[in-house]
Structure formats: structure tokens, C-alpha cells
Amino acid sequence: MEARAPRPGVPVRGSASGRPVMAALDLLGRRWTMRILWELSHAPAGFRELQRRCERMSSSVLSTRLDDLTAARLAALHDDGYRLTPLGRDLVEALAPLSAWSRRWAEEMGDAPPSDQP
């Protein structure tokens, strides 16, 4: 079982330094984290809706990831479901160049990139 959510200033998997970038990479590298962020970047969603959008991932994994993302202040629960916080939206915006690069990579590999898939 994974430890609590990574935090800047605290040692994380692969780094005892506590550097913020290492904590961020640990958090983002956990399975399903990026998919949940991607889904929430398009629209808020309740637990069951997120589970459906994420190809029916297990409820325990979804619960753990949502706990991680809320502890990291990237997502928050509102009346209409989970939403990205301003910090979460900043992260998604910061990842936009990676999305653009991945489309160029797909083209180089000869694959047509789907426009609406993670």
C-alpha cells in the first residue's frame, strides 16, 4: 500500500531531498492520478461519474487518488462533485506543452492522435 500523499519538503519515492519537483513527480506518477486530473479539467464530476469516466477503476484506488489530490490542494469536493482548484488548473495548464509534444510524437510514430482521449 502506498504511503500518504507526497508533500514538498518531505522525502518521497525516489528522493530523500524533499524538493517540490520530486514530490510533484511522485504524486503525478501514481497510477490514475493524471487521468483523474485530465477528466476534472474537462468537467466536475462526482465519485461514480469519475469512476465511469476512468473505465471503472476500483473504488478504493479512486478514493485514494482523490484523497491524494485533495490533500495536495489540486482538487476539492463541491456540491456538484470534484473540481480542480486554481492550483490544479495551473498544473493542467503547465502540462499543456507535454500534450502538444505527445501529439507531435504520435505523428512521428505514424499514429493519428485522438483529440479527445487522455
PDB file of N, CA and C in Angstrom:
ATOM      1  N   MET A   1       0.847  -1.184   0.000  1.00  0.00           N
ATOM      2  CA  MET A   1       0.000   0.000   0.000  1.00  0.00           C
ATOM      3  C   MET A   1       0.894   1.250   0.000  1.00  0.00           C
ATOM      4  N   GLU A   2       0.500   2.266  -0.766  1.00  0.00           N
ATOM      5  CA  GLU A   2       1.304   3.475  -0.858  1.00  0.00           C
ATOM      6  C   GLU A   2       1.152   4.322   0.390  1.00  0.00           C
ATOM      7  N   ALA A   3       2.195   5.070   0.657  1.00  0.00           N
ATOM      8  CA  ALA A   3       2.180   5.992   1.799  1.00  0.00           C
ATOM      9  C   ALA A   3       1.252   7.166   1.502  1.00  0.00           C
ATOM     10  N   ARG A   4       1.144   8.052   2.459  1.00  0.00           N
ATOM     11  CA  ARG A   4       0.295   9.227   2.283  1.00  0.00           C
ATOM     12  C   ARG A   4       0.740  10.047   1.077  1.00  0.00           C
ATOM     13  N   ALA A   5      -0.080  10.992   0.726  1.00  0.00           N
ATOM     14  CA  ALA A   5       0.190  11.820  -0.456  1.00  0.00           C
ATOM     15  C   ALA A   5       1.529  12.538  -0.319  1.00  0.00           C
ATOM     16  N   PRO A   6       2.290  12.605  -1.417  1.00  0.00           N
ATOM     17  CA  PRO A   6       3.568  13.328  -1.388  1.00  0.00           C
ATOM     18  C   PRO A   6       3.366  14.795  -1.053  1.00  0.00           C
ATOM     19  N   ARG A   7       4.338  15.352  -0.339  1.00  0.00           N
ATOM     20  CA  ARG A   7       4.305  16.771   0.030  1.00  0.00           C
ATOM     21  C   ARG A   7       5.687  17.372  -0.169  1.00  0.00           C
ATOM     22  N   PRO A   8       5.750  18.595  -0.666  1.00  0.00           N
ATOM     23  CA  PRO A   8       7.051  19.265  -0.773  1.00  0.00           C
ATOM     24  C   PRO A   8       7.698  19.360   0.606  1.00  0.00           C
ATOM     25  N   GLY A   9       9.004  19.197   0.632  1.00  0.00           N
ATOM     26  CA  GLY A   9       9.738  19.302   1.887  1.00  0.00           C
ATOM     27  C   GLY A   9       9.847  17.995   2.651  1.00  0.00           C
ATOM     28  N   VAL A  10       9.204  16.945   2.139  1.00  0.00           N
ATOM     29  CA  VAL A  10       9.211  15.633   2.791  1.00  0.00           C
ATOM     30  C   VAL A  10       9.780  14.622   1.804  1.00  0.00           C
ATOM     31  N   PRO A  11      10.660  13.717   2.240  1.00  0.00           N
ATOM     32  CA  PRO A  11      11.178  12.702   1.319  1.00  0.00           C
ATOM     33  C   PRO A  11      10.041  11.917   0.659  1.00  0.00           C
ATOM     34  N   VAL A  12      10.237  11.562  -0.618  1.00  0.00           N
ATOM     35  CA  VAL A  12       9.238  10.826  -1.390  1.00  0.00           C
ATOM     36  C   VAL A  12       9.908   9.644  -2.080  1.00  0.00           C
ATOM     37  N   ARG A  13       9.110   8.831  -2.752  1.00  0.00           N
ATOM     38  CA  ARG A  13       9.675   7.702  -3.501  1.00  0.00           C
ATOM     39  C   ARG A  13      10.731   8.219  -4.468  1.00  0.00           C
ATOM     40  N   GLY A  14      11.904   7.658  -4.412  1.00  0.00           N
ATOM     41  CA  GLY A  14      12.953   8.015  -5.339  1.00  0.00           C
ATOM     42  C   GLY A  14      13.766   9.239  -4.972  1.00  0.00           C
ATOM     43  N   SER A  15      13.448   9.909  -3.870  1.00  0.00           N
ATOM     44  CA  SER A  15      14.204  11.097  -3.493  1.00  0.00           C
ATOM     45  C   SER A  15      14.031  11.405  -2.008  1.00  0.00           C
ATOM     46  N   ALA A  16      15.142  11.535  -1.338  1.00  0.00           N
ATOM     47  CA  ALA A  16      15.119  11.916   0.073  1.00  0.00           C
ATOM     48  C   ALA A  16      15.253  13.428   0.246  1.00  0.00           C
ATOM     49  N   SER A  17      15.361  14.161  -0.876  1.00  0.00           N
ATOM     50  CA  SER A  17      15.647  15.595  -0.811  1.00  0.00           C
ATOM     51  C   SER A  17      14.475  16.438  -0.327  1.00  0.00           C
ATOM     52  N   GLY A  18      13.269  15.999  -0.592  1.00  0.00           N
ATOM     53  CA  GLY A  18      12.112  16.817  -0.249  1.00  0.00           C
ATOM     54  C   GLY A  18      11.867  17.958  -1.223  1.00  0.00           C
ATOM     55  N   ARG A  19      12.575  17.953  -2.347  1.00  0.00           N
ATOM     56  CA  ARG A  19      12.391  19.016  -3.336  1.00  0.00           C
ATOM     57  C   ARG A  19      10.959  18.995  -3.871  1.00  0.00           C
ATOM     58  N   PRO A  20      10.371  20.166  -4.042  1.00  0.00           N
ATOM     59  CA  PRO A  20       8.994  20.214  -4.539  1.00  0.00           C
ATOM     60  C   PRO A  20       8.795  19.463  -5.851  1.00  0.00           C
ATOM     61  N   VAL A  21       9.736  19.569  -6.800  1.00  0.00           N
ATOM     62  CA  VAL A  21       9.564  18.887  -8.077  1.00  0.00           C
ATOM     63  C   VAL A  21       9.538  17.373  -7.886  1.00  0.00           C
ATOM     64  N   MET A  22      10.300  16.855  -6.939  1.00  0.00           N
ATOM     65  CA  MET A  22      10.306  15.409  -6.707  1.00  0.00           C
ATOM     66  C   MET A  22       8.982  14.959  -6.089  1.00  0.00           C
ATOM     67  N   ALA A  23       8.436  15.764  -5.204  1.00  0.00           N
ATOM     68  CA  ALA A  23       7.131  15.438  -4.620  1.00  0.00           C
ATOM     69  C   ALA A  23       6.055  15.478  -5.705  1.00  0.00           C
ATOM     70  N   ALA A  24       6.125  16.467  -6.594  1.00  0.00           N
ATOM     71  CA  ALA A  24       5.145  16.572  -7.674  1.00  0.00           C
ATOM     72  C   ALA A  24       5.240  15.368  -8.612  1.00  0.00           C
ATOM     73  N   LEU A  25       6.461  14.974  -8.964  1.00  0.00           N
ATOM     74  CA  LEU A  25       6.633  13.816  -9.842  1.00  0.00           C
ATOM     75  C   LEU A  25       6.135  12.538  -9.181  1.00  0.00           C
ATOM     76  N   ASP A  26       6.354  12.397  -7.883  1.00  0.00           N
ATOM     77  CA  ASP A  26       5.844  11.228  -7.166  1.00  0.00           C
ATOM     78  C   ASP A  26       4.317  11.211  -7.230  1.00  0.00           C
ATOM     79  N   LEU A  27       3.689  12.330  -6.930  1.00  0.00           N
ATOM     80  CA  LEU A  27       2.232  12.402  -6.954  1.00  0.00           C
ATOM     81  C   LEU A  27       1.689  12.112  -8.353  1.00  0.00           C
ATOM     82  N   LEU A  28       2.241  12.773  -9.369  1.00  0.00           N
ATOM     83  CA  LEU A  28       1.744  12.620 -10.732  1.00  0.00           C
ATOM     84  C   LEU A  28       2.040  11.246 -11.315  1.00  0.00           C
ATOM     85  N   GLY A  29       3.042  10.574 -10.768  1.00  0.00           N
ATOM     86  CA  GLY A  29       3.406   9.250 -11.254  1.00  0.00           C
ATOM     87  C   GLY A  29       2.570   8.122 -10.667  1.00  0.00           C
ATOM     88  N   ARG A  30       1.715   8.421  -9.737  1.00  0.00           N
ATOM     89  CA  ARG A  30       0.865   7.377  -9.152  1.00  0.00           C
ATOM     90  C   ARG A  30      -0.237   7.017 -10.132  1.00  0.00           C
ATOM     91  N   ARG A  31      -0.524   5.719 -10.195  1.00  0.00           N
ATOM     92  CA  ARG A  31      -1.482   5.267 -11.209  1.00  0.00           C
ATOM     93  C   ARG A  31      -2.816   5.987 -11.073  1.00  0.00           C
ATOM     94  N   TRP A  32      -3.362   6.353 -12.204  1.00  0.00           N
ATOM     95  CA  TRP A  32      -4.640   7.023 -12.372  1.00  0.00           C
ATOM     96  C   TRP A  32      -4.640   8.514 -12.013  1.00  0.00           C
ATOM     97  N   THR A  33      -3.609   9.030 -11.385  1.00  0.00           N
ATOM     98  CA  THR A  33      -3.619  10.441 -10.983  1.00  0.00           C
ATOM     99  C   THR A  33      -3.780  11.366 -12.187  1.00  0.00           C
ATOM    100  N   MET A  34      -2.979  11.158 -13.213  1.00  0.00           N
ATOM    101  CA  MET A  34      -3.050  12.028 -14.387  1.00  0.00           C
ATOM    102  C   MET A  34      -4.405  11.906 -15.081  1.00  0.00           C
ATOM    103  N   ARG A  35      -4.951  10.716 -15.132  1.00  0.00           N
ATOM    104  CA  ARG A  35      -6.262  10.539 -15.780  1.00  0.00           C
ATOM    105  C   ARG A  35      -7.343  11.302 -15.018  1.00  0.00           C
ATOM    106  N   ILE A  36      -7.312  11.233 -13.700  1.00  0.00           N
ATOM    107  CA  ILE A  36      -8.307  11.956 -12.898  1.00  0.00           C
ATOM    108  C   ILE A  36      -8.168  13.458 -13.126  1.00  0.00           C
ATOM    109  N   LEU A  37      -6.947  13.962 -13.133  1.00  0.00           N
ATOM    110  CA  LEU A  37      -6.727  15.386 -13.409  1.00  0.00           C
ATOM    111  C   LEU A  37      -7.272  15.751 -14.786  1.00  0.00           C
ATOM    112  N   TRP A  38      -7.003  14.916 -15.777  1.00  0.00           N
ATOM    113  CA  TRP A  38      -7.472  15.172 -17.130  1.00  0.00           C
ATOM    114  C   TRP A  38      -8.992  15.217 -17.163  1.00  0.00           C
ATOM    115  N   GLU A  39      -9.638  14.248 -16.525  1.00  0.00           N
ATOM    116  CA  GLU A  39     -11.102  14.215 -16.510  1.00  0.00           C
ATOM    117  C   GLU A  39     -11.667  15.459 -15.822  1.00  0.00           C
ATOM    118  N   LEU A  40     -11.097  15.837 -14.694  1.00  0.00           N
ATOM    119  CA  LEU A  40     -11.596  17.003 -13.963  1.00  0.00           C
ATOM    120  C   LEU A  40     -11.305  18.304 -14.699  1.00  0.00           C
ATOM    121  N   SER A  41     -10.317  18.297 -15.570  1.00  0.00           N
ATOM    122  CA  SER A  41     -10.020  19.513 -16.334  1.00  0.00           C
ATOM    123  C   SER A  41     -11.112  19.798 -17.363  1.00  0.00           C
ATOM    124  N   HIS A  42     -11.900  18.789 -17.698  1.00  0.00           N
ATOM    125  CA  HIS A  42     -12.980  18.958 -18.674  1.00  0.00           C
ATOM    126  C   HIS A  42     -14.314  19.274 -18.028  1.00  0.00           C
ATOM    127  N   ALA A  43     -14.556  18.726 -16.830  1.00  0.00           N
ATOM    128  CA  ALA A  43     -15.831  18.993 -16.156  1.00  0.00           C
ATOM    129  C   ALA A  43     -15.779  18.408 -14.752  1.00  0.00           C
ATOM    130  N   PRO A  44     -16.449  19.066 -13.807  1.00  0.00           N
ATOM    131  CA  PRO A  44     -16.527  18.496 -12.463  1.00  0.00           C
ATOM    132  C   PRO A  44     -17.245  17.150 -12.538  1.00  0.00           C
ATOM    133  N   ALA A  45     -17.007  16.313 -11.542  1.00  0.00           N
ATOM    134  CA  ALA A  45     -17.659  15.007 -11.536  1.00  0.00           C
ATOM    135  C   ALA A  45     -17.734  14.471 -10.119  1.00  0.00           C
ATOM    136  N   GLY A  46     -18.825  13.791  -9.852  1.00  0.00           N
ATOM    137  CA  GLY A  46     -18.960  13.075  -8.599  1.00  0.00           C
ATOM    138  C   GLY A  46     -18.148  11.786  -8.652  1.00  0.00           C
ATOM    139  N   PHE A  47     -18.103  11.088  -7.534  1.00  0.00           N
ATOM    140  CA  PHE A  47     -17.293   9.876  -7.417  1.00  0.00           C
ATOM    141  C   PHE A  47     -17.674   8.845  -8.478  1.00  0.00           C
ATOM    142  N   ARG A  48     -18.939   8.496  -8.584  1.00  0.00           N
ATOM    143  CA  ARG A  48     -19.387   7.458  -9.534  1.00  0.00           C
ATOM    144  C   ARG A  48     -19.151   7.879 -10.978  1.00  0.00           C
ATOM    145  N   GLU A  49     -19.370   9.156 -11.279  1.00  0.00           N
ATOM    146  CA  GLU A  49     -19.125   9.642 -12.634  1.00  0.00           C
ATOM    147  C   GLU A  49     -17.645   9.555 -12.973  1.00  0.00           C
ATOM    148  N   LEU A  50     -16.787   9.926 -12.037  1.00  0.00           N
ATOM    149  CA  LEU A  50     -15.345   9.800 -12.278  1.00  0.00           C
ATOM    150  C   LEU A  50     -14.961   8.343 -12.478  1.00  0.00           C
ATOM    151  N   GLN A  51     -15.522   7.475 -11.685  1.00  0.00           N
ATOM    152  CA  GLN A  51     -15.228   6.049 -11.813  1.00  0.00           C
ATOM    153  C   GLN A  51     -15.638   5.553 -13.211  1.00  0.00           C
ATOM    154  N   ARG A  52     -16.797   5.993 -13.682  1.00  0.00           N
ATOM    155  CA  ARG A  52     -17.254   5.612 -15.019  1.00  0.00           C
ATOM    156  C   ARG A  52     -16.323   6.160 -16.094  1.00  0.00           C
ATOM    157  N   ARG A  53     -15.967   7.446 -15.979  1.00  0.00           N
ATOM    158  CA  ARG A  53     -15.088   8.070 -16.975  1.00  0.00           C
ATOM    159  C   ARG A  53     -13.713   7.426 -17.000  1.00  0.00           C
ATOM    160  N   CYS A  54     -13.276   6.927 -15.875  1.00  0.00           N
ATOM    161  CA  CYS A  54     -11.938   6.320 -15.773  1.00  0.00           C
ATOM    162  C   CYS A  54     -12.009   4.810 -15.961  1.00  0.00           C
ATOM    163  N   GLU A  55     -12.907   4.390 -16.843  1.00  0.00           N
ATOM    164  CA  GLU A  55     -13.006   2.985 -17.222  1.00  0.00           C
ATOM    165  C   GLU A  55     -13.219   2.062 -16.032  1.00  0.00           C
ATOM    166  N   ARG A  56     -14.041   2.540 -15.117  1.00  0.00           N
ATOM    167  CA  ARG A  56     -14.443   1.756 -13.953  1.00  0.00           C
ATOM    168  C   ARG A  56     -13.264   1.307 -13.085  1.00  0.00           C
ATOM    169  N   MET A  57     -12.357   2.224 -12.835  1.00  0.00           N
ATOM    170  CA  MET A  57     -11.262   1.902 -11.917  1.00  0.00           C
ATOM    171  C   MET A  57     -11.861   1.510 -10.568  1.00  0.00           C
ATOM    172  N   SER A  58     -11.123   0.789  -9.782  1.00  0.00           N
ATOM    173  CA  SER A  58     -11.664   0.326  -8.499  1.00  0.00           C
ATOM    174  C   SER A  58     -11.989   1.517  -7.601  1.00  0.00           C
ATOM    175  N   SER A  59     -13.005   1.361  -6.800  1.00  0.00           N
ATOM    176  CA  SER A  59     -13.418   2.451  -5.914  1.00  0.00           C
ATOM    177  C   SER A  59     -12.341   2.759  -4.886  1.00  0.00           C
ATOM    178  N   SER A  60     -11.583   1.752  -4.458  1.00  0.00           N
ATOM    179  CA  SER A  60     -10.532   2.017  -3.461  1.00  0.00           C
ATOM    180  C   SER A  60      -9.402   2.850  -4.053  1.00  0.00           C
ATOM    181  N   VAL A  61      -9.026   2.576  -5.297  1.00  0.00           N
ATOM    182  CA  VAL A  61      -7.968   3.373  -5.943  1.00  0.00           C
ATOM    183  C   VAL A  61      -8.477   4.789  -6.184  1.00  0.00           C
ATOM    184  N   LEU A  62      -9.696   4.928  -6.682  1.00  0.00           N
ATOM    185  CA  LEU A  62     -10.240   6.267  -6.920  1.00  0.00           C
ATOM    186  C   LEU A  62     -10.316   7.052  -5.622  1.00  0.00           C
ATOM    187  N   SER A  63     -10.770   6.427  -4.572  1.00  0.00           N
ATOM    188  CA  SER A  63     -10.860   7.100  -3.276  1.00  0.00           C
ATOM    189  C   SER A  63      -9.486   7.563  -2.799  1.00  0.00           C
ATOM    190  N   THR A  64      -8.494   6.694  -2.933  1.00  0.00           N
ATOM    191  CA  THR A  64      -7.125   7.054  -2.526  1.00  0.00           C
ATOM    192  C   THR A  64      -6.591   8.208  -3.356  1.00  0.00           C
ATOM    193  N   ARG A  65      -6.785   8.158  -4.677  1.00  0.00           N
ATOM    194  CA  ARG A  65      -6.280   9.231  -5.541  1.00  0.00           C
ATOM    195  C   ARG A  65      -6.996  10.545  -5.262  1.00  0.00           C
ATOM    196  N   LEU A  66      -8.288  10.498  -5.048  1.00  0.00           N
ATOM    197  CA  LEU A  66      -8.994  11.739  -4.728  1.00  0.00           C
ATOM    198  C   LEU A  66      -8.518  12.296  -3.387  1.00  0.00           C
ATOM    199  N   ASP A  67      -8.242  11.426  -2.430  1.00  0.00           N
ATOM    200  CA  ASP A  67      -7.668  11.878  -1.154  1.00  0.00           C
ATOM    201  C   ASP A  67      -6.315  12.542  -1.393  1.00  0.00           C
ATOM    202  N   ASP A  68      -5.477  11.906  -2.249  1.00  0.00           N
ATOM    203  CA  ASP A  68      -4.162  12.478  -2.577  1.00  0.00           C
ATOM    204  C   ASP A  68      -4.306  13.859  -3.210  1.00  0.00           C
ATOM    205  N   LEU A  69      -5.203  13.954  -4.191  1.00  0.00           N
ATOM    206  CA  LEU A  69      -5.368  15.221  -4.911  1.00  0.00           C
ATOM    207  C   LEU A  69      -5.971  16.313  -4.037  1.00  0.00           C
ATOM    208  N   THR A  70      -6.864  15.955  -3.134  1.00  0.00           N
ATOM    209  CA  THR A  70      -7.412  16.971  -2.242  1.00  0.00           C
ATOM    210  C   THR A  70      -6.374  17.369  -1.195  1.00  0.00           C
ATOM    211  N   ALA A  71      -5.595  16.408  -0.704  1.00  0.00           N
ATOM    212  CA  ALA A  71      -4.527  16.738   0.258  1.00  0.00           C
ATOM    213  C   ALA A  71      -3.478  17.647  -0.384  1.00  0.00           C
ATOM    214  N   ALA A  72      -3.239  17.439  -1.671  1.00  0.00           N
ATOM    215  CA  ALA A  72      -2.270  18.264  -2.405  1.00  0.00           C
ATOM    216  C   ALA A  72      -2.876  19.588  -2.856  1.00  0.00           C
ATOM    217  N   ARG A  73      -4.150  19.794  -2.563  1.00  0.00           N
ATOM    218  CA  ARG A  73      -4.886  21.011  -2.915  1.00  0.00           C
ATOM    219  C   ARG A  73      -5.001  21.225  -4.417  1.00  0.00           C
ATOM    220  N   LEU A  74      -5.064  20.111  -5.151  1.00  0.00           N
ATOM    221  CA  LEU A  74      -5.250  20.180  -6.595  1.00  0.00           C
ATOM    222  C   LEU A  74      -6.702  19.972  -6.983  1.00  0.00           C
ATOM    223  N   ALA A  75      -7.473  19.339  -6.109  1.00  0.00           N
ATOM    224  CA  ALA A  75      -8.901  19.105  -6.339  1.00  0.00           C
ATOM    225  C   ALA A  75      -9.631  19.338  -5.028  1.00  0.00           C
ATOM    226  N   ALA A  76     -10.919  19.622  -5.140  1.00  0.00           N
ATOM    227  CA  ALA A  76     -11.753  19.835  -3.955  1.00  0.00           C
ATOM    228  C   ALA A  76     -13.157  19.326  -4.265  1.00  0.00           C
ATOM    229  N   LEU A  77     -13.836  18.878  -3.225  1.00  0.00           N
ATOM    230  CA  LEU A  77     -15.208  18.401  -3.362  1.00  0.00           C
ATOM    231  C   LEU A  77     -16.170  19.567  -3.157  1.00  0.00           C
ATOM    232  N   HIS A  78     -17.061  19.751  -4.125  1.00  0.00           N
ATOM    233  CA  HIS A  78     -18.094  20.784  -4.069  1.00  0.00           C
ATOM    234  C   HIS A  78     -19.447  20.105  -4.160  1.00  0.00           C
ATOM    235  N   ASP A  79     -20.509  20.893  -4.119  1.00  0.00           N
ATOM    236  CA  ASP A  79     -21.859  20.335  -4.213  1.00  0.00           C
ATOM    237  C   ASP A  79     -22.085  19.542  -5.500  1.00  0.00           C
ATOM    238  N   ASP A  80     -21.456  19.978  -6.590  1.00  0.00           N
ATOM    239  CA  ASP A  80     -21.658  19.301  -7.872  1.00  0.00           C
ATOM    240  C   ASP A  80     -20.600  18.245  -8.166  1.00  0.00           C
ATOM    241  N   GLY A  81     -19.761  17.935  -7.211  1.00  0.00           N
ATOM    242  CA  GLY A  81     -18.736  16.908  -7.392  1.00  0.00           C
ATOM    243  C   GLY A  81     -17.343  17.462  -7.176  1.00  0.00           C
ATOM    244  N   TYR A  82     -16.368  16.696  -7.615  1.00  0.00           N
ATOM    245  CA  TYR A  82     -14.980  17.131  -7.505  1.00  0.00           C
ATOM    246  C   TYR A  82     -14.664  18.103  -8.627  1.00  0.00           C
ATOM    247  N   ARG A  83     -13.876  19.122  -8.275  1.00  0.00           N
ATOM    248  CA  ARG A  83     -13.419  20.132  -9.234  1.00  0.00           C
ATOM    249  C   ARG A  83     -11.937  20.373  -9.003  1.00  0.00           C
ATOM    250  N   LEU A  84     -11.266  20.817 -10.050  1.00  0.00           N
ATOM    251  CA  LEU A  84      -9.889  21.266  -9.881  1.00  0.00           C
ATOM    252  C   LEU A  84      -9.901  22.590  -9.134  1.00  0.00           C
ATOM    253  N   THR A  85      -8.932  22.781  -8.281  1.00  0.00           N
ATOM    254  CA  THR A  85      -8.732  24.058  -7.616  1.00  0.00           C
ATOM    255  C   THR A  85      -7.947  24.961  -8.566  1.00  0.00           C
ATOM    256  N   PRO A  86      -7.773  26.223  -8.232  1.00  0.00           N
ATOM    257  CA  PRO A  86      -6.913  27.068  -9.081  1.00  0.00           C
ATOM    258  C   PRO A  86      -5.508  26.466  -9.254  1.00  0.00           C
ATOM    259  N   LEU A  87      -4.963  25.878  -8.202  1.00  0.00           N
ATOM    260  CA  LEU A  87      -3.645  25.249  -8.300  1.00  0.00           C
ATOM    261  C   LEU A  87      -3.692  24.040  -9.243  1.00  0.00           C
ATOM    262  N   GLY A  88      -4.771  23.279  -9.192  1.00  0.00           N
ATOM    263  CA  GLY A  88      -4.945  22.146 -10.101  1.00  0.00           C
ATOM    264  C   GLY A  88      -5.070  22.589 -11.543  1.00  0.00           C
ATOM    265  N   ARG A  89      -5.807  23.677 -11.763  1.00  0.00           N
ATOM    266  CA  ARG A  89      -5.926  24.214 -13.129  1.00  0.00           C
ATOM    267  C   ARG A  89      -4.566  24.717 -13.626  1.00  0.00           C
ATOM    268  N   ASP A  90      -3.784  25.326 -12.727  1.00  0.00           N
ATOM    269  CA  ASP A  90      -2.434  25.759 -13.107  1.00  0.00           C
ATOM    270  C   ASP A  90      -1.579  24.568 -13.533  1.00  0.00           C
ATOM    271  N   LEU A  91      -1.716  23.460 -12.824  1.00  0.00           N
ATOM    272  CA  LEU A  91      -0.955  22.252 -13.174  1.00  0.00           C
ATOM    273  C   LEU A  91      -1.352  21.754 -14.556  1.00  0.00           C
ATOM    274  N   VAL A  92      -2.650  21.661 -14.815  1.00  0.00           N
ATOM    275  CA  VAL A  92      -3.114  21.193 -16.121  1.00  0.00           C
ATOM    276  C   VAL A  92      -2.584  22.117 -17.218  1.00  0.00           C
ATOM    277  N   GLU A  93      -2.608  23.425 -16.962  1.00  0.00           N
ATOM    278  CA  GLU A  93      -2.076  24.380 -17.941  1.00  0.00           C
ATOM    279  C   GLU A  93      -0.572  24.172 -18.140  1.00  0.00           C
ATOM    280  N   ALA A  94       0.144  23.889 -17.067  1.00  0.00           N
ATOM    281  CA  ALA A  94       1.588  23.653 -17.162  1.00  0.00           C
ATOM    282  C   ALA A  94       1.902  22.384 -17.952  1.00  0.00           C
ATOM    283  N   LEU A  95       0.976  21.442 -17.956  1.00  0.00           N
ATOM    284  CA  LEU A  95       1.175  20.187 -18.685  1.00  0.00           C
ATOM    285  C   LEU A  95       0.804  20.299 -20.166  1.00  0.00           C
ATOM    286  N   ALA A  96       0.206  21.402 -20.581  1.00  0.00           N
ATOM    287  CA  ALA A  96      -0.219  21.576 -21.971  1.00  0.00           C
ATOM    288  C   ALA A  96       0.924  21.359 -22.973  1.00  0.00           C
ATOM    289  N   PRO A  97       2.134  21.853 -22.716  1.00  0.00           N
ATOM    290  CA  PRO A  97       3.223  21.580 -23.670  1.00  0.00           C
ATOM    291  C   PRO A  97       3.518  20.083 -23.809  1.00  0.00           C
ATOM    292  N   LEU A  98       3.337  19.316 -22.763  1.00  0.00           N
ATOM    293  CA  LEU A  98       3.541  17.873 -22.854  1.00  0.00           C
ATOM    294  C   LEU A  98       2.492  17.249 -23.775  1.00  0.00           C
ATOM    295  N   SER A  99       1.274  17.736 -23.686  1.00  0.00           N
ATOM    296  CA  SER A  99       0.213  17.251 -24.568  1.00  0.00           C
ATOM    297  C   SER A  99       0.545  17.567 -26.027  1.00  0.00           C
ATOM    298  N   ALA A 100       1.004  18.784 -26.272  1.00  0.00           N
ATOM    299  CA  ALA A 100       1.378  19.172 -27.635  1.00  0.00           C
ATOM    300  C   ALA A 100       2.542  18.316 -28.135  1.00  0.00           C
ATOM    301  N   TRP A 101       3.529  18.100 -27.295  1.00  0.00           N
ATOM    302  CA  TRP A 101       4.663  17.253 -27.670  1.00  0.00           C
ATOM    303  C   TRP A 101       4.205  15.835 -27.989  1.00  0.00           C
ATOM    304  N   SER A 102       3.284  15.296 -27.178  1.00  0.00           N
ATOM    305  CA  SER A 102       2.836  13.916 -27.389  1.00  0.00           C
ATOM    306  C   SER A 102       2.121  13.767 -28.739  1.00  0.00           C
ATOM    307  N   ARG A 103       1.413  14.808 -29.171  1.00  0.00           N
ATOM    308  CA  ARG A 103       0.771  14.756 -30.493  1.00  0.00           C
ATOM    309  C   ARG A 103       1.830  14.738 -31.603  1.00  0.00           C
ATOM    310  N   ARG A 104       2.883  15.560 -31.447  1.00  0.00           N
ATOM    311  CA  ARG A 104       3.970  15.550 -32.438  1.00  0.00           C
ATOM    312  C   ARG A 104       4.652  14.186 -32.449  1.00  0.00           C
ATOM    313  N   TRP A 105       4.855  13.614 -31.285  1.00  0.00           N
ATOM    314  CA  TRP A 105       5.476  12.294 -31.156  1.00  0.00           C
ATOM    315  C   TRP A 105       4.626  11.245 -31.876  1.00  0.00           C
ATOM    316  N   ALA A 106       3.306  11.282 -31.659  1.00  0.00           N
ATOM    317  CA  ALA A 106       2.409  10.337 -32.316  1.00  0.00           C
ATOM    318  C   ALA A 106       2.502  10.472 -33.832  1.00  0.00           C
ATOM    319  N   GLU A 107       2.573  11.716 -34.313  1.00  0.00           N
ATOM    320  CA  GLU A 107       2.703  11.927 -35.753  1.00  0.00           C
ATOM    321  C   GLU A 107       4.007  11.333 -36.272  1.00  0.00           C
ATOM    322  N   GLU A 108       5.085  11.545 -35.547  1.00  0.00           N
ATOM    323  CA  GLU A 108       6.389  10.989 -35.939  1.00  0.00           C
ATOM    324  C   GLU A 108       6.364   9.461 -35.957  1.00  0.00           C
ATOM    325  N   MET A 109       5.581   8.884 -35.058  1.00  0.00           N
ATOM    326  CA  MET A 109       5.472   7.431 -34.971  1.00  0.00           C
ATOM    327  C   MET A 109       4.497   6.890 -36.021  1.00  0.00           C
ATOM    328  N   GLY A 110       3.824   7.806 -36.736  1.00  0.00           N
ATOM    329  CA  GLY A 110       2.894   7.394 -37.765  1.00  0.00           C
ATOM    330  C   GLY A 110       1.501   7.083 -37.260  1.00  0.00           C
ATOM    331  N   ASP A 111       1.192   7.509 -36.057  1.00  0.00           N
ATOM    332  CA  ASP A 111      -0.124   7.266 -35.478  1.00  0.00           C
ATOM    333  C   ASP A 111      -0.903   8.572 -35.426  1.00  0.00           C
ATOM    334  N   ALA A 112      -2.160   8.514 -35.772  1.00  0.00           N
ATOM    335  CA  ALA A 112      -3.015   9.692 -35.674  1.00  0.00           C
ATOM    336  C   ALA A 112      -3.468   9.839 -34.231  1.00  0.00           C
ATOM    337  N   PRO A 113      -3.169  10.974 -33.581  1.00  0.00           N
ATOM    338  CA  PRO A 113      -3.555  11.151 -32.184  1.00  0.00           C
ATOM    339  C   PRO A 113      -5.046  11.452 -32.035  1.00  0.00           C
ATOM    340  N   PRO A 114      -5.739  10.709 -31.151  1.00  0.00           N
ATOM    341  CA  PRO A 114      -7.128  11.069 -30.878  1.00  0.00           C
ATOM    342  C   PRO A 114      -7.172  12.394 -30.153  1.00  0.00           C
ATOM    343  N   SER A 115      -8.099  13.243 -30.534  1.00  0.00           N
ATOM    344  CA  SER A 115      -8.148  14.585 -29.948  1.00  0.00           C
ATOM    345  C   SER A 115      -8.842  14.649 -28.606  1.00  0.00           C
ATOM    346  N   ASP A 116      -9.683  13.660 -28.290  1.00  0.00           N
ATOM    347  CA  ASP A 116     -10.450  13.759 -27.046  1.00  0.00           C
ATOM    348  C   ASP A 116     -10.158  12.639 -26.056  1.00  0.00           C
ATOM    349  N   GLN A 117      -9.034  11.977 -26.200  1.00  0.00           N
ATOM    350  CA  GLN A 117      -8.662  10.900 -25.292  1.00  0.00           C
ATOM    351  C   GLN A 117      -7.427  11.290 -24.484  1.00  0.00           C
ATOM    352  N   PRO A 118      -7.306  10.791 -23.261  1.00  0.00           N
ATOM    353  CA  PRO A 118      -6.123  11.101 -22.449  1.00  0.00           C
ATOM    354  C   PRO A 118      -4.881  10.436 -22.977  1.00  0.00           C
TER     355      PRO A 118
END
